[in-house]
mmCIF file of all heavy atoms, coordinates in Angstrom:
data_MODEL
# 
_entry.id   MODEL 
# 
loop_
_atom_site.group_PDB 
_atom_site.id 
_atom_site.type_symbol 
_atom_site.label_atom_id 
_atom_site.label_alt_id 
_atom_site.label_comp_id 
_atom_site.label_asym_id 
_atom_site.label_entity_id 
_atom_site.label_seq_id 
_atom_site.pdbx_PDB_ins_code 
_atom_site.Cartn_x 
_atom_site.Cartn_y 
_atom_site.Cartn_z 
_atom_site.occupancy 
_atom_site.B_iso_or_equiv 
_atom_site.pdbx_formal_charge 
_atom_site.auth_seq_id 
_atom_site.auth_comp_id 
_atom_site.auth_asym_id 
_atom_site.auth_atom_id 
_atom_site.pdbx_PDB_model_num 
ATOM 1   N N   . LEU A 1 1  ? -2.300  7.244  -7.167  1.00 0.00 ? 1  LEU A N   1 
ATOM 2   C CA  . LEU A 1 1  ? -0.995  7.284  -7.827  1.00 0.00 ? 1  LEU A CA  1 
ATOM 3   C C   . LEU A 1 1  ? -1.026  6.531  -9.157  1.00 0.00 ? 1  LEU A C   1 
ATOM 4   O O   . LEU A 1 1  ? -0.419  6.955  -10.144 1.00 0.00 ? 1  LEU A O   1 
ATOM 5   C CB  . LEU A 1 1  ? 0.072   6.670  -6.909  1.00 0.00 ? 1  LEU A CB  1 
ATOM 6   C CG  . LEU A 1 1  ? 0.455   7.475  -5.672  1.00 0.00 ? 1  LEU A CG  1 
ATOM 7   C CD1 . LEU A 1 1  ? 1.383   6.672  -4.775  1.00 0.00 ? 1  LEU A CD1 1 
ATOM 8   C CD2 . LEU A 1 1  ? 1.126   8.792  -6.092  1.00 0.00 ? 1  LEU A CD2 1 
ATOM 9   N N   . ILE A 1 2  ? -1.744  5.417  -9.193  1.00 0.00 ? 2  ILE A N   1 
ATOM 10  C CA  . ILE A 1 2  ? -1.852  4.637  -10.434 1.00 0.00 ? 2  ILE A CA  1 
ATOM 11  C C   . ILE A 1 2  ? -2.603  5.441  -11.498 1.00 0.00 ? 2  ILE A C   1 
ATOM 12  O O   . ILE A 1 2  ? -2.239  5.431  -12.680 1.00 0.00 ? 2  ILE A O   1 
ATOM 13  C CB  . ILE A 1 2  ? -2.561  3.301  -10.158 1.00 0.00 ? 2  ILE A CB  1 
ATOM 14  C CG1 . ILE A 1 2  ? -1.696  2.430  -9.235  1.00 0.00 ? 2  ILE A CG1 1 
ATOM 15  C CG2 . ILE A 1 2  ? -2.851  2.557  -11.460 1.00 0.00 ? 2  ILE A CG2 1 
ATOM 16  C CD1 . ILE A 1 2  ? -2.378  1.185  -8.736  1.00 0.00 ? 2  ILE A CD1 1 
ATOM 17  N N   . ASP A 1 3  ? -3.649  6.161  -11.084 1.00 0.00 ? 3  ASP A N   1 
ATOM 18  C CA  . ASP A 1 3  ? -4.409  6.971  -12.037 1.00 0.00 ? 3  ASP A CA  1 
ATOM 19  C C   . ASP A 1 3  ? -3.579  8.117  -12.608 1.00 0.00 ? 3  ASP A C   1 
ATOM 20  O O   . ASP A 1 3  ? -3.710  8.477  -13.780 1.00 0.00 ? 3  ASP A O   1 
ATOM 21  C CB  . ASP A 1 3  ? -5.660  7.543  -11.345 1.00 0.00 ? 3  ASP A CB  1 
ATOM 22  C CG  . ASP A 1 3  ? -6.819  6.569  -11.397 1.00 0.00 ? 3  ASP A CG  1 
ATOM 23  O OD1 . ASP A 1 3  ? -6.826  5.713  -12.301 1.00 0.00 ? 3  ASP A OD1 1 
ATOM 24  O OD2 . ASP A 1 3  ? -7.707  6.654  -10.539 1.00 0.00 ? 3  ASP A OD2 1 
ATOM 25  N N   . ASN A 1 4  ? -2.714  8.680  -11.794 1.00 0.00 ? 4  ASN A N   1 
ATOM 26  C CA  . ASN A 1 4  ? -1.943  9.847  -12.218 1.00 0.00 ? 4  ASN A CA  1 
ATOM 27  C C   . ASN A 1 4  ? -0.585  9.483  -12.820 1.00 0.00 ? 4  ASN A C   1 
ATOM 28  O O   . ASN A 1 4  ? 0.135   10.391 -13.264 1.00 0.00 ? 4  ASN A O   1 
ATOM 29  C CB  . ASN A 1 4  ? -1.731  10.788 -11.020 1.00 0.00 ? 4  ASN A CB  1 
ATOM 30  C CG  . ASN A 1 4  ? -3.031  11.357 -10.510 1.00 0.00 ? 4  ASN A CG  1 
ATOM 31  O OD1 . ASN A 1 4  ? -3.959  11.603 -11.295 1.00 0.00 ? 4  ASN A OD1 1 
ATOM 32  N ND2 . ASN A 1 4  ? -3.125  11.561 -9.203  1.00 0.00 ? 4  ASN A ND2 1 
ATOM 33  N N   . TYR A 1 5  ? -0.262  8.202  -12.843 1.00 0.00 ? 5  TYR A N   1 
ATOM 34  C CA  . TYR A 1 5  ? 1.022   7.796  -13.418 1.00 0.00 ? 5  TYR A CA  1 
ATOM 35  C C   . TYR A 1 5  ? 0.991   8.013  -14.940 1.00 0.00 ? 5  TYR A C   1 
ATOM 36  O O   . TYR A 1 5  ? -0.026  7.773  -15.595 1.00 0.00 ? 5  TYR A O   1 
ATOM 37  C CB  . TYR A 1 5  ? 1.300   6.328  -13.102 1.00 0.00 ? 5  TYR A CB  1 
ATOM 38  C CG  . TYR A 1 5  ? 2.674   5.859  -13.538 1.00 0.00 ? 5  TYR A CG  1 
ATOM 39  C CD1 . TYR A 1 5  ? 3.777   6.064  -12.729 1.00 0.00 ? 5  TYR A CD1 1 
ATOM 40  C CD2 . TYR A 1 5  ? 2.856   5.216  -14.769 1.00 0.00 ? 5  TYR A CD2 1 
ATOM 41  C CE1 . TYR A 1 5  ? 5.042   5.644  -13.113 1.00 0.00 ? 5  TYR A CE1 1 
ATOM 42  C CE2 . TYR A 1 5  ? 4.112   4.806  -15.168 1.00 0.00 ? 5  TYR A CE2 1 
ATOM 43  C CZ  . TYR A 1 5  ? 5.206   5.013  -14.344 1.00 0.00 ? 5  TYR A CZ  1 
ATOM 44  O OH  . TYR A 1 5  ? 6.454   4.607  -14.746 1.00 0.00 ? 5  TYR A OH  1 
ATOM 45  N N   . PRO A 1 6  ? 2.106   8.485  -15.540 1.00 0.00 ? 6  PRO A N   1 
ATOM 46  C CA  . PRO A 1 6  ? 2.118   8.748  -16.999 1.00 0.00 ? 6  PRO A CA  1 
ATOM 47  C C   . PRO A 1 6  ? 2.222   7.477  -17.845 1.00 0.00 ? 6  PRO A C   1 
ATOM 48  O O   . PRO A 1 6  ? 3.262   7.168  -18.419 1.00 0.00 ? 6  PRO A O   1 
ATOM 49  C CB  . PRO A 1 6  ? 3.357   9.641  -17.173 1.00 0.00 ? 6  PRO A CB  1 
ATOM 50  C CG  . PRO A 1 6  ? 4.276   9.229  -16.066 1.00 0.00 ? 6  PRO A CG  1 
ATOM 51  C CD  . PRO A 1 6  ? 3.373   8.915  -14.891 1.00 0.00 ? 6  PRO A CD  1 
ATOM 52  N N   . TRP A 1 7  ? 1.136   6.699  -17.892 1.00 0.00 ? 7  TRP A N   1 
ATOM 53  C CA  . TRP A 1 7  ? 1.111   5.505  -18.726 1.00 0.00 ? 7  TRP A CA  1 
ATOM 54  C C   . TRP A 1 7  ? 1.151   5.879  -20.204 1.00 0.00 ? 7  TRP A C   1 
ATOM 55  O O   . TRP A 1 7  ? 0.824   7.010  -20.576 1.00 0.00 ? 7  TRP A O   1 
ATOM 56  C CB  . TRP A 1 7  ? -0.153  4.687  -18.440 1.00 0.00 ? 7  TRP A CB  1 
ATOM 57  C CG  . TRP A 1 7  ? -0.315  4.304  -16.991 1.00 0.00 ? 7  TRP A CG  1 
ATOM 58  C CD1 . TRP A 1 7  ? -1.163  4.869  -16.098 1.00 0.00 ? 7  TRP A CD1 1 
ATOM 59  C CD2 . TRP A 1 7  ? 0.408   3.304  -16.279 1.00 0.00 ? 7  TRP A CD2 1 
ATOM 60  N NE1 . TRP A 1 7  ? -1.037  4.280  -14.867 1.00 0.00 ? 7  TRP A NE1 1 
ATOM 61  C CE2 . TRP A 1 7  ? -0.074  3.311  -14.950 1.00 0.00 ? 7  TRP A CE2 1 
ATOM 62  C CE3 . TRP A 1 7  ? 1.406   2.399  -16.620 1.00 0.00 ? 7  TRP A CE3 1 
ATOM 63  C CZ2 . TRP A 1 7  ? 0.404   2.457  -13.970 1.00 0.00 ? 7  TRP A CZ2 1 
ATOM 64  C CZ3 . TRP A 1 7  ? 1.898   1.542  -15.645 1.00 0.00 ? 7  TRP A CZ3 1 
ATOM 65  C CH2 . TRP A 1 7  ? 1.401   1.572  -14.349 1.00 0.00 ? 7  TRP A CH2 1 
ATOM 66  N N   . GLU A 1 8  ? 1.492   4.928  -21.040 1.00 0.00 ? 8  GLU A N   1 
ATOM 67  C CA  . GLU A 1 8  ? 1.604   5.196  -22.480 1.00 0.00 ? 8  GLU A CA  1 
ATOM 68  C C   . GLU A 1 8  ? 0.254   5.509  -23.106 1.00 0.00 ? 8  GLU A C   1 
ATOM 69  O O   . GLU A 1 8  ? 0.173   6.270  -24.077 1.00 0.00 ? 8  GLU A O   1 
ATOM 70  C CB  . GLU A 1 8  ? 2.251   4.005  -23.193 1.00 0.00 ? 8  GLU A CB  1 
ATOM 71  C CG  . GLU A 1 8  ? 3.712   3.770  -22.789 1.00 0.00 ? 8  GLU A CG  1 
ATOM 72  C CD  . GLU A 1 8  ? 4.320   2.598  -23.538 1.00 0.00 ? 8  GLU A CD  1 
ATOM 73  O OE1 . GLU A 1 8  ? 3.615   2.029  -24.403 1.00 0.00 ? 8  GLU A OE1 1 
ATOM 74  O OE2 . GLU A 1 8  ? 5.484   2.257  -23.264 1.00 0.00 ? 8  GLU A OE2 1 
ATOM 75  N N   . ASN A 1 9  ? -0.810  4.895  -22.592 1.00 0.00 ? 9  ASN A N   1 
ATOM 76  C CA  . ASN A 1 9  ? -2.144  5.136  -23.147 1.00 0.00 ? 9  ASN A CA  1 
ATOM 77  C C   . ASN A 1 9  ? -3.184  4.898  -22.058 1.00 0.00 ? 9  ASN A C   1 
ATOM 78  O O   . ASN A 1 9  ? -2.876  4.415  -20.959 1.00 0.00 ? 9  ASN A O   1 
ATOM 79  C CB  . ASN A 1 9  ? -2.412  4.244  -24.366 1.00 0.00 ? 9  ASN A CB  1 
ATOM 80  C CG  . ASN A 1 9  ? -2.126  2.771  -24.069 1.00 0.00 ? 9  ASN A CG  1 
ATOM 81  O OD1 . ASN A 1 9  ? -2.755  2.178  -23.206 1.00 0.00 ? 9  ASN A OD1 1 
ATOM 82  N ND2 . ASN A 1 9  ? -1.160  2.198  -24.789 1.00 0.00 ? 9  ASN A ND2 1 
ATOM 83  N N   . SER A 1 10 ? -4.424  5.253  -22.381 1.00 0.00 ? 10 SER A N   1 
ATOM 84  C CA  . SER A 1 10 ? -5.508  5.142  -21.402 1.00 0.00 ? 10 SER A CA  1 
ATOM 85  C C   . SER A 1 10 ? -5.843  3.690  -21.072 1.00 0.00 ? 10 SER A C   1 
ATOM 86  O O   . SER A 1 10 ? -6.314  3.392  -19.972 1.00 0.00 ? 10 SER A O   1 
ATOM 87  C CB  . SER A 1 10 ? -6.755  5.854  -21.931 1.00 0.00 ? 10 SER A CB  1 
ATOM 88  O OG  . SER A 1 10 ? -7.171  5.264  -23.166 1.00 0.00 ? 10 SER A OG  1 
ATOM 89  N N   . PHE A 1 11 ? -5.614  2.782  -22.043 1.00 0.00 ? 11 PHE A N   1 
ATOM 90  C CA  . PHE A 1 11 ? -5.895  1.366  -21.779 1.00 0.00 ? 11 PHE A CA  1 
ATOM 91  C C   . PHE A 1 11 ? -5.056  0.850  -20.612 1.00 0.00 ? 11 PHE A C   1 
ATOM 92  O O   . PHE A 1 11 ? -5.568  0.175  -19.707 1.00 0.00 ? 11 PHE A O   1 
ATOM 93  C CB  . PHE A 1 11 ? -5.616  0.526  -23.034 1.00 0.00 ? 11 PHE A CB  1 
ATOM 94  C CG  . PHE A 1 11 ? -5.615  -0.957 -22.763 1.00 0.00 ? 11 PHE A CG  1 
ATOM 95  C CD1 . PHE A 1 11 ? -6.806  -1.653 -22.602 1.00 0.00 ? 11 PHE A CD1 1 
ATOM 96  C CD2 . PHE A 1 11 ? -4.413  -1.660 -22.653 1.00 0.00 ? 11 PHE A CD2 1 
ATOM 97  C CE1 . PHE A 1 11 ? -6.803  -3.013 -22.333 1.00 0.00 ? 11 PHE A CE1 1 
ATOM 98  C CE2 . PHE A 1 11 ? -4.400  -3.016 -22.387 1.00 0.00 ? 11 PHE A CE2 1 
ATOM 99  C CZ  . PHE A 1 11 ? -5.603  -3.695 -22.230 1.00 0.00 ? 11 PHE A CZ  1 
ATOM 100 N N   . LEU A 1 12 ? -3.753  1.158  -20.622 1.00 0.00 ? 12 LEU A N   1 
ATOM 101 C CA  . LEU A 1 12 ? -2.887  0.714  -19.540 1.00 0.00 ? 12 LEU A CA  1 
ATOM 102 C C   . LEU A 1 12 ? -3.311  1.320  -18.206 1.00 0.00 ? 12 LEU A C   1 
ATOM 103 O O   . LEU A 1 12 ? -3.240  0.657  -17.171 1.00 0.00 ? 12 LEU A O   1 
ATOM 104 C CB  . LEU A 1 12 ? -1.426  1.081  -19.850 1.00 0.00 ? 12 LEU A CB  1 
ATOM 105 C CG  . LEU A 1 12 ? -0.753  0.326  -20.994 1.00 0.00 ? 12 LEU A CG  1 
ATOM 106 C CD1 . LEU A 1 12 ? 0.666   0.849  -21.212 1.00 0.00 ? 12 LEU A CD1 1 
ATOM 107 C CD2 . LEU A 1 12 ? -0.728  -1.168 -20.717 1.00 0.00 ? 12 LEU A CD2 1 
ATOM 108 N N   . ARG A 1 13 ? -3.755  2.593  -18.238 1.00 0.00 ? 13 ARG A N   1 
ATOM 109 C CA  . ARG A 1 13 ? -4.186  3.240  -17.004 1.00 0.00 ? 13 ARG A CA  1 
ATOM 110 C C   . ARG A 1 13 ? -5.395  2.522  -16.408 1.00 0.00 ? 13 ARG A C   1 
ATOM 111 O O   . ARG A 1 13 ? -5.423  2.187  -15.218 1.00 0.00 ? 13 ARG A O   1 
ATOM 112 C CB  . ARG A 1 13 ? -4.514  4.701  -17.264 1.00 0.00 ? 13 ARG A CB  1 
ATOM 113 C CG  . ARG A 1 13 ? -5.100  5.417  -16.031 1.00 0.00 ? 13 ARG A CG  1 
ATOM 114 C CD  . ARG A 1 13 ? -5.348  6.893  -16.262 1.00 0.00 ? 13 ARG A CD  1 
ATOM 115 N NE  . ARG A 1 13 ? -4.081  7.614  -16.346 1.00 0.00 ? 13 ARG A NE  1 
ATOM 116 C CZ  . ARG A 1 13 ? -3.533  8.056  -17.481 1.00 0.00 ? 13 ARG A CZ  1 
ATOM 117 N NH1 . ARG A 1 13 ? -4.168  7.843  -18.638 1.00 0.00 ? 13 ARG A NH1 1 
ATOM 118 N NH2 . ARG A 1 13 ? -2.387  8.691  -17.500 1.00 0.00 ? 13 ARG A NH2 1 
ATOM 119 N N   . HIS A 1 14 ? -6.397  2.258  -17.234 1.00 0.00 ? 14 HIS A N   1 
ATOM 120 C CA  . HIS A 1 14 ? -7.614  1.596  -16.749 1.00 0.00 ? 14 HIS A CA  1 
ATOM 121 C C   . HIS A 1 14 ? -7.335  0.143  -16.355 1.00 0.00 ? 14 HIS A C   1 
ATOM 122 O O   . HIS A 1 14 ? -7.859  -0.342 -15.343 1.00 0.00 ? 14 HIS A O   1 
ATOM 123 C CB  . HIS A 1 14 ? -8.703  1.652  -17.816 1.00 0.00 ? 14 HIS A CB  1 
ATOM 124 C CG  . HIS A 1 14 ? -9.180  3.045  -18.106 1.00 0.00 ? 14 HIS A CG  1 
ATOM 125 N ND1 . HIS A 1 14 ? -9.530  3.934  -17.124 1.00 0.00 ? 14 HIS A ND1 1 
ATOM 126 C CD2 . HIS A 1 14 ? -9.350  3.700  -19.288 1.00 0.00 ? 14 HIS A CD2 1 
ATOM 127 C CE1 . HIS A 1 14 ? -9.908  5.074  -17.657 1.00 0.00 ? 14 HIS A CE1 1 
ATOM 128 N NE2 . HIS A 1 14 ? -9.802  4.957  -18.992 1.00 0.00 ? 14 HIS A NE2 1 
ATOM 129 N N   . ARG A 1 15 ? -6.523  -0.546 -17.150 1.00 0.00 ? 15 ARG A N   1 
ATOM 130 C CA  . ARG A 1 15 ? -6.226  -1.945 -16.835 1.00 0.00 ? 15 ARG A CA  1 
ATOM 131 C C   . ARG A 1 15 ? -5.487  -2.076 -15.512 1.00 0.00 ? 15 ARG A C   1 
ATOM 132 O O   . ARG A 1 15 ? -5.853  -2.892 -14.652 1.00 0.00 ? 15 ARG A O   1 
ATOM 133 C CB  . ARG A 1 15 ? -5.377  -2.565 -17.951 1.00 0.00 ? 15 ARG A CB  1 
ATOM 134 C CG  . ARG A 1 15 ? -5.123  -4.064 -17.776 1.00 0.00 ? 15 ARG A CG  1 
ATOM 135 C CD  . ARG A 1 15 ? -3.911  -4.530 -18.554 1.00 0.00 ? 15 ARG A CD  1 
ATOM 136 N NE  . ARG A 1 15 ? -2.674  -3.933 -18.029 1.00 0.00 ? 15 ARG A NE  1 
ATOM 137 C CZ  . ARG A 1 15 ? -1.458  -4.225 -18.505 1.00 0.00 ? 15 ARG A CZ  1 
ATOM 138 N NH1 . ARG A 1 15 ? -1.318  -5.063 -19.508 1.00 0.00 ? 15 ARG A NH1 1 
ATOM 139 N NH2 . ARG A 1 15 ? -0.390  -3.640 -17.990 1.00 0.00 ? 15 ARG A NH2 1 
ATOM 140 N N   . ASN A 1 16 ? -4.447  -1.262 -15.336 1.00 0.00 ? 16 ASN A N   1 
ATOM 141 C CA  . ASN A 1 16 ? -3.639  -1.364 -14.119 1.00 0.00 ? 16 ASN A CA  1 
ATOM 142 C C   . ASN A 1 16 ? -4.411  -0.903 -12.889 1.00 0.00 ? 16 ASN A C   1 
ATOM 143 O O   . ASN A 1 16 ? -4.229  -1.432 -11.792 1.00 0.00 ? 16 ASN A O   1 
ATOM 144 C CB  . ASN A 1 16 ? -2.357  -0.549 -14.275 1.00 0.00 ? 16 ASN A CB  1 
ATOM 145 C CG  . ASN A 1 16 ? -1.449  -1.134 -15.348 1.00 0.00 ? 16 ASN A CG  1 
ATOM 146 O OD1 . ASN A 1 16 ? -1.559  -2.309 -15.696 1.00 0.00 ? 16 ASN A OD1 1 
ATOM 147 N ND2 . ASN A 1 16 ? -0.556  -0.324 -15.882 1.00 0.00 ? 16 ASN A ND2 1 
ATOM 148 N N   . HIS A 1 17 ? -5.280  0.078  -13.081 1.00 0.00 ? 17 HIS A N   1 
ATOM 149 C CA  . HIS A 1 17 ? -6.140  0.501  -11.971 1.00 0.00 ? 17 HIS A CA  1 
ATOM 150 C C   . HIS A 1 17 ? -7.060  -0.647 -11.560 1.00 0.00 ? 17 HIS A C   1 
ATOM 151 O O   . HIS A 1 17 ? -7.265  -0.906 -10.361 1.00 0.00 ? 17 HIS A O   1 
ATOM 152 C CB  . HIS A 1 17 ? -6.962  1.736  -12.374 1.00 0.00 ? 17 HIS A CB  1 
ATOM 153 C CG  . HIS A 1 17 ? -7.823  2.257  -11.272 1.00 0.00 ? 17 HIS A CG  1 
ATOM 154 N ND1 . HIS A 1 17 ? -9.054  1.728  -10.961 1.00 0.00 ? 17 HIS A ND1 1 
ATOM 155 C CD2 . HIS A 1 17 ? -7.608  3.268  -10.377 1.00 0.00 ? 17 HIS A CD2 1 
ATOM 156 C CE1 . HIS A 1 17 ? -9.574  2.375  -9.941  1.00 0.00 ? 17 HIS A CE1 1 
ATOM 157 N NE2 . HIS A 1 17 ? -8.719  3.321  -9.568  1.00 0.00 ? 17 HIS A NE2 1 
ATOM 158 N N   . ALA A 1 18 ? -7.616  -1.365 -12.545 1.00 0.00 ? 18 ALA A N   1 
ATOM 159 C CA  . ALA A 1 18 ? -8.499  -2.499 -12.258 1.00 0.00 ? 18 ALA A CA  1 
ATOM 160 C C   . ALA A 1 18 ? -7.743  -3.625 -11.554 1.00 0.00 ? 18 ALA A C   1 
ATOM 161 O O   . ALA A 1 18 ? -8.273  -4.264 -10.637 1.00 0.00 ? 18 ALA A O   1 
ATOM 162 C CB  . ALA A 1 18 ? -9.132  -3.007 -13.553 1.00 0.00 ? 18 ALA A CB  1 
ATOM 163 N N   . ILE A 1 19 ? -6.499  -3.864 -11.979 1.00 0.00 ? 19 ILE A N   1 
ATOM 164 C CA  . ILE A 1 19 ? -5.692  -4.924 -11.368 1.00 0.00 ? 19 ILE A CA  1 
ATOM 165 C C   . ILE A 1 19 ? -5.433  -4.628 -9.890  1.00 0.00 ? 19 ILE A C   1 
ATOM 166 O O   . ILE A 1 19 ? -5.680  -5.467 -9.016  1.00 0.00 ? 19 ILE A O   1 
ATOM 167 C CB  . ILE A 1 19 ? -4.358  -5.086 -12.128 1.00 0.00 ? 19 ILE A CB  1 
ATOM 168 C CG1 . ILE A 1 19 ? -4.597  -5.733 -13.495 1.00 0.00 ? 19 ILE A CG1 1 
ATOM 169 C CG2 . ILE A 1 19 ? -3.380  -5.937 -11.310 1.00 0.00 ? 19 ILE A CG2 1 
ATOM 170 C CD1 . ILE A 1 19 ? -3.354  -5.811 -14.365 1.00 0.00 ? 19 ILE A CD1 1 
ATOM 171 N N   . PHE A 1 20 ? -4.963  -3.425 -9.606  1.00 0.00 ? 20 PHE A N   1 
ATOM 172 C CA  . PHE A 1 20 ? -4.639  -3.081 -8.218  1.00 0.00 ? 20 PHE A CA  1 
ATOM 173 C C   . PHE A 1 20 ? -5.897  -2.957 -7.363  1.00 0.00 ? 20 PHE A C   1 
ATOM 174 O O   . PHE A 1 20 ? -5.887  -3.301 -6.183  1.00 0.00 ? 20 PHE A O   1 
ATOM 175 C CB  . PHE A 1 20 ? -3.824  -1.779 -8.173  1.00 0.00 ? 20 PHE A CB  1 
ATOM 176 C CG  . PHE A 1 20 ? -2.366  -1.984 -8.419  1.00 0.00 ? 20 PHE A CG  1 
ATOM 177 C CD1 . PHE A 1 20 ? -1.858  -1.970 -9.709  1.00 0.00 ? 20 PHE A CD1 1 
ATOM 178 C CD2 . PHE A 1 20 ? -1.491  -2.216 -7.367  1.00 0.00 ? 20 PHE A CD2 1 
ATOM 179 C CE1 . PHE A 1 20 ? -0.511  -2.167 -9.951  1.00 0.00 ? 20 PHE A CE1 1 
ATOM 180 C CE2 . PHE A 1 20 ? -0.136  -2.417 -7.599  1.00 0.00 ? 20 PHE A CE2 1 
ATOM 181 C CZ  . PHE A 1 20 ? 0.362   -2.399 -8.893  1.00 0.00 ? 20 PHE A CZ  1 
ATOM 182 N N   . ALA A 1 21 ? -6.978  -2.471 -7.944  1.00 0.00 ? 21 ALA A N   1 
ATOM 183 C CA  . ALA A 1 21 ? -8.226  -2.379 -7.198  1.00 0.00 ? 21 ALA A CA  1 
ATOM 184 C C   . ALA A 1 21 ? -8.739  -3.770 -6.828  1.00 0.00 ? 21 ALA A C   1 
ATOM 185 O O   . ALA A 1 21 ? -9.250  -3.982 -5.720  1.00 0.00 ? 21 ALA A O   1 
ATOM 186 C CB  . ALA A 1 21 ? -9.269  -1.623 -8.022  1.00 0.00 ? 21 ALA A CB  1 
ATOM 187 N N   . THR A 1 22 ? -8.580  -4.732 -7.734  1.00 0.00 ? 22 THR A N   1 
ATOM 188 C CA  . THR A 1 22 ? -8.997  -6.106 -7.446  1.00 0.00 ? 22 THR A CA  1 
ATOM 189 C C   . THR A 1 22 ? -8.127  -6.715 -6.355  1.00 0.00 ? 22 THR A C   1 
ATOM 190 O O   . THR A 1 22 ? -8.626  -7.412 -5.465  1.00 0.00 ? 22 THR A O   1 
ATOM 191 C CB  . THR A 1 22 ? -8.924  -6.963 -8.727  1.00 0.00 ? 22 THR A CB  1 
ATOM 192 O OG1 . THR A 1 22 ? -9.693  -6.361 -9.761  1.00 0.00 ? 22 THR A OG1 1 
ATOM 193 C CG2 . THR A 1 22 ? -9.452  -8.363 -8.465  1.00 0.00 ? 22 THR A CG2 1 
ATOM 194 N N   . PHE A 1 23 ? -6.821  -6.470 -6.415  1.00 0.00 ? 23 PHE A N   1 
ATOM 195 C CA  . PHE A 1 23 ? -5.927  -6.930 -5.358  1.00 0.00 ? 23 PHE A CA  1 
ATOM 196 C C   . PHE A 1 23 ? -6.377  -6.387 -3.996  1.00 0.00 ? 23 PHE A C   1 
ATOM 197 O O   . PHE A 1 23 ? -6.470  -7.122 -3.011  1.00 0.00 ? 23 PHE A O   1 
ATOM 198 C CB  . PHE A 1 23 ? -4.492  -6.464 -5.626  1.00 0.00 ? 23 PHE A CB  1 
ATOM 199 C CG  . PHE A 1 23 ? -3.711  -7.360 -6.537  1.00 0.00 ? 23 PHE A CG  1 
ATOM 200 C CD1 . PHE A 1 23 ? -2.899  -6.815 -7.524  1.00 0.00 ? 23 PHE A CD1 1 
ATOM 201 C CD2 . PHE A 1 23 ? -3.766  -8.734 -6.413  1.00 0.00 ? 23 PHE A CD2 1 
ATOM 202 C CE1 . PHE A 1 23 ? -2.170  -7.634 -8.365  1.00 0.00 ? 23 PHE A CE1 1 
ATOM 203 C CE2 . PHE A 1 23 ? -3.038  -9.563 -7.251  1.00 0.00 ? 23 PHE A CE2 1 
ATOM 204 C CZ  . PHE A 1 23 ? -2.234  -9.014 -8.231  1.00 0.00 ? 23 PHE A CZ  1 
ATOM 205 N N   . LEU A 1 24 ? -6.648  -5.085 -3.958  1.00 0.00 ? 24 LEU A N   1 
ATOM 206 C CA  . LEU A 1 24 ? -6.948  -4.423 -2.688  1.00 0.00 ? 24 LEU A CA  1 
ATOM 207 C C   . LEU A 1 24 ? -8.337  -4.775 -2.151  1.00 0.00 ? 24 LEU A C   1 
ATOM 208 O O   . LEU A 1 24 ? -8.498  -5.049 -0.960  1.00 0.00 ? 24 LEU A O   1 
ATOM 209 C CB  . LEU A 1 24 ? -6.840  -2.907 -2.865  1.00 0.00 ? 24 LEU A CB  1 
ATOM 210 C CG  . LEU A 1 24 ? -5.435  -2.362 -3.151  1.00 0.00 ? 24 LEU A CG  1 
ATOM 211 C CD1 . LEU A 1 24 ? -5.507  -0.894 -3.560  1.00 0.00 ? 24 LEU A CD1 1 
ATOM 212 C CD2 . LEU A 1 24 ? -4.540  -2.528 -1.931  1.00 0.00 ? 24 LEU A CD2 1 
ATOM 213 N N   . MET A 1 25 ? -9.338  -4.781 -3.021  1.00 0.00 ? 25 MET A N   1 
ATOM 214 C CA  . MET A 1 25 ? -10.720 -4.947 -2.568  1.00 0.00 ? 25 MET A CA  1 
ATOM 215 C C   . MET A 1 25 ? -11.158 -6.405 -2.434  1.00 0.00 ? 25 MET A C   1 
ATOM 216 O O   . MET A 1 25 ? -11.983 -6.730 -1.583  1.00 0.00 ? 25 MET A O   1 
ATOM 217 C CB  . MET A 1 25 ? -11.671 -4.216 -3.538  1.00 0.00 ? 25 MET A CB  1 
ATOM 218 C CG  . MET A 1 25 ? -11.305 -2.758 -3.777  1.00 0.00 ? 25 MET A CG  1 
ATOM 219 S SD  . MET A 1 25 ? -11.161 -1.807 -2.235  1.00 0.00 ? 25 MET A SD  1 
ATOM 220 C CE  . MET A 1 25 ? -10.615 -0.229 -2.863  1.00 0.00 ? 25 MET A CE  1 
# 
């Protein structure tokens, strides 16, 4: 869902994916 969310740019997509992945893993 984070990957497919309409973020403003690719930086926010990759950053937020990294944040949530770190939380989870």
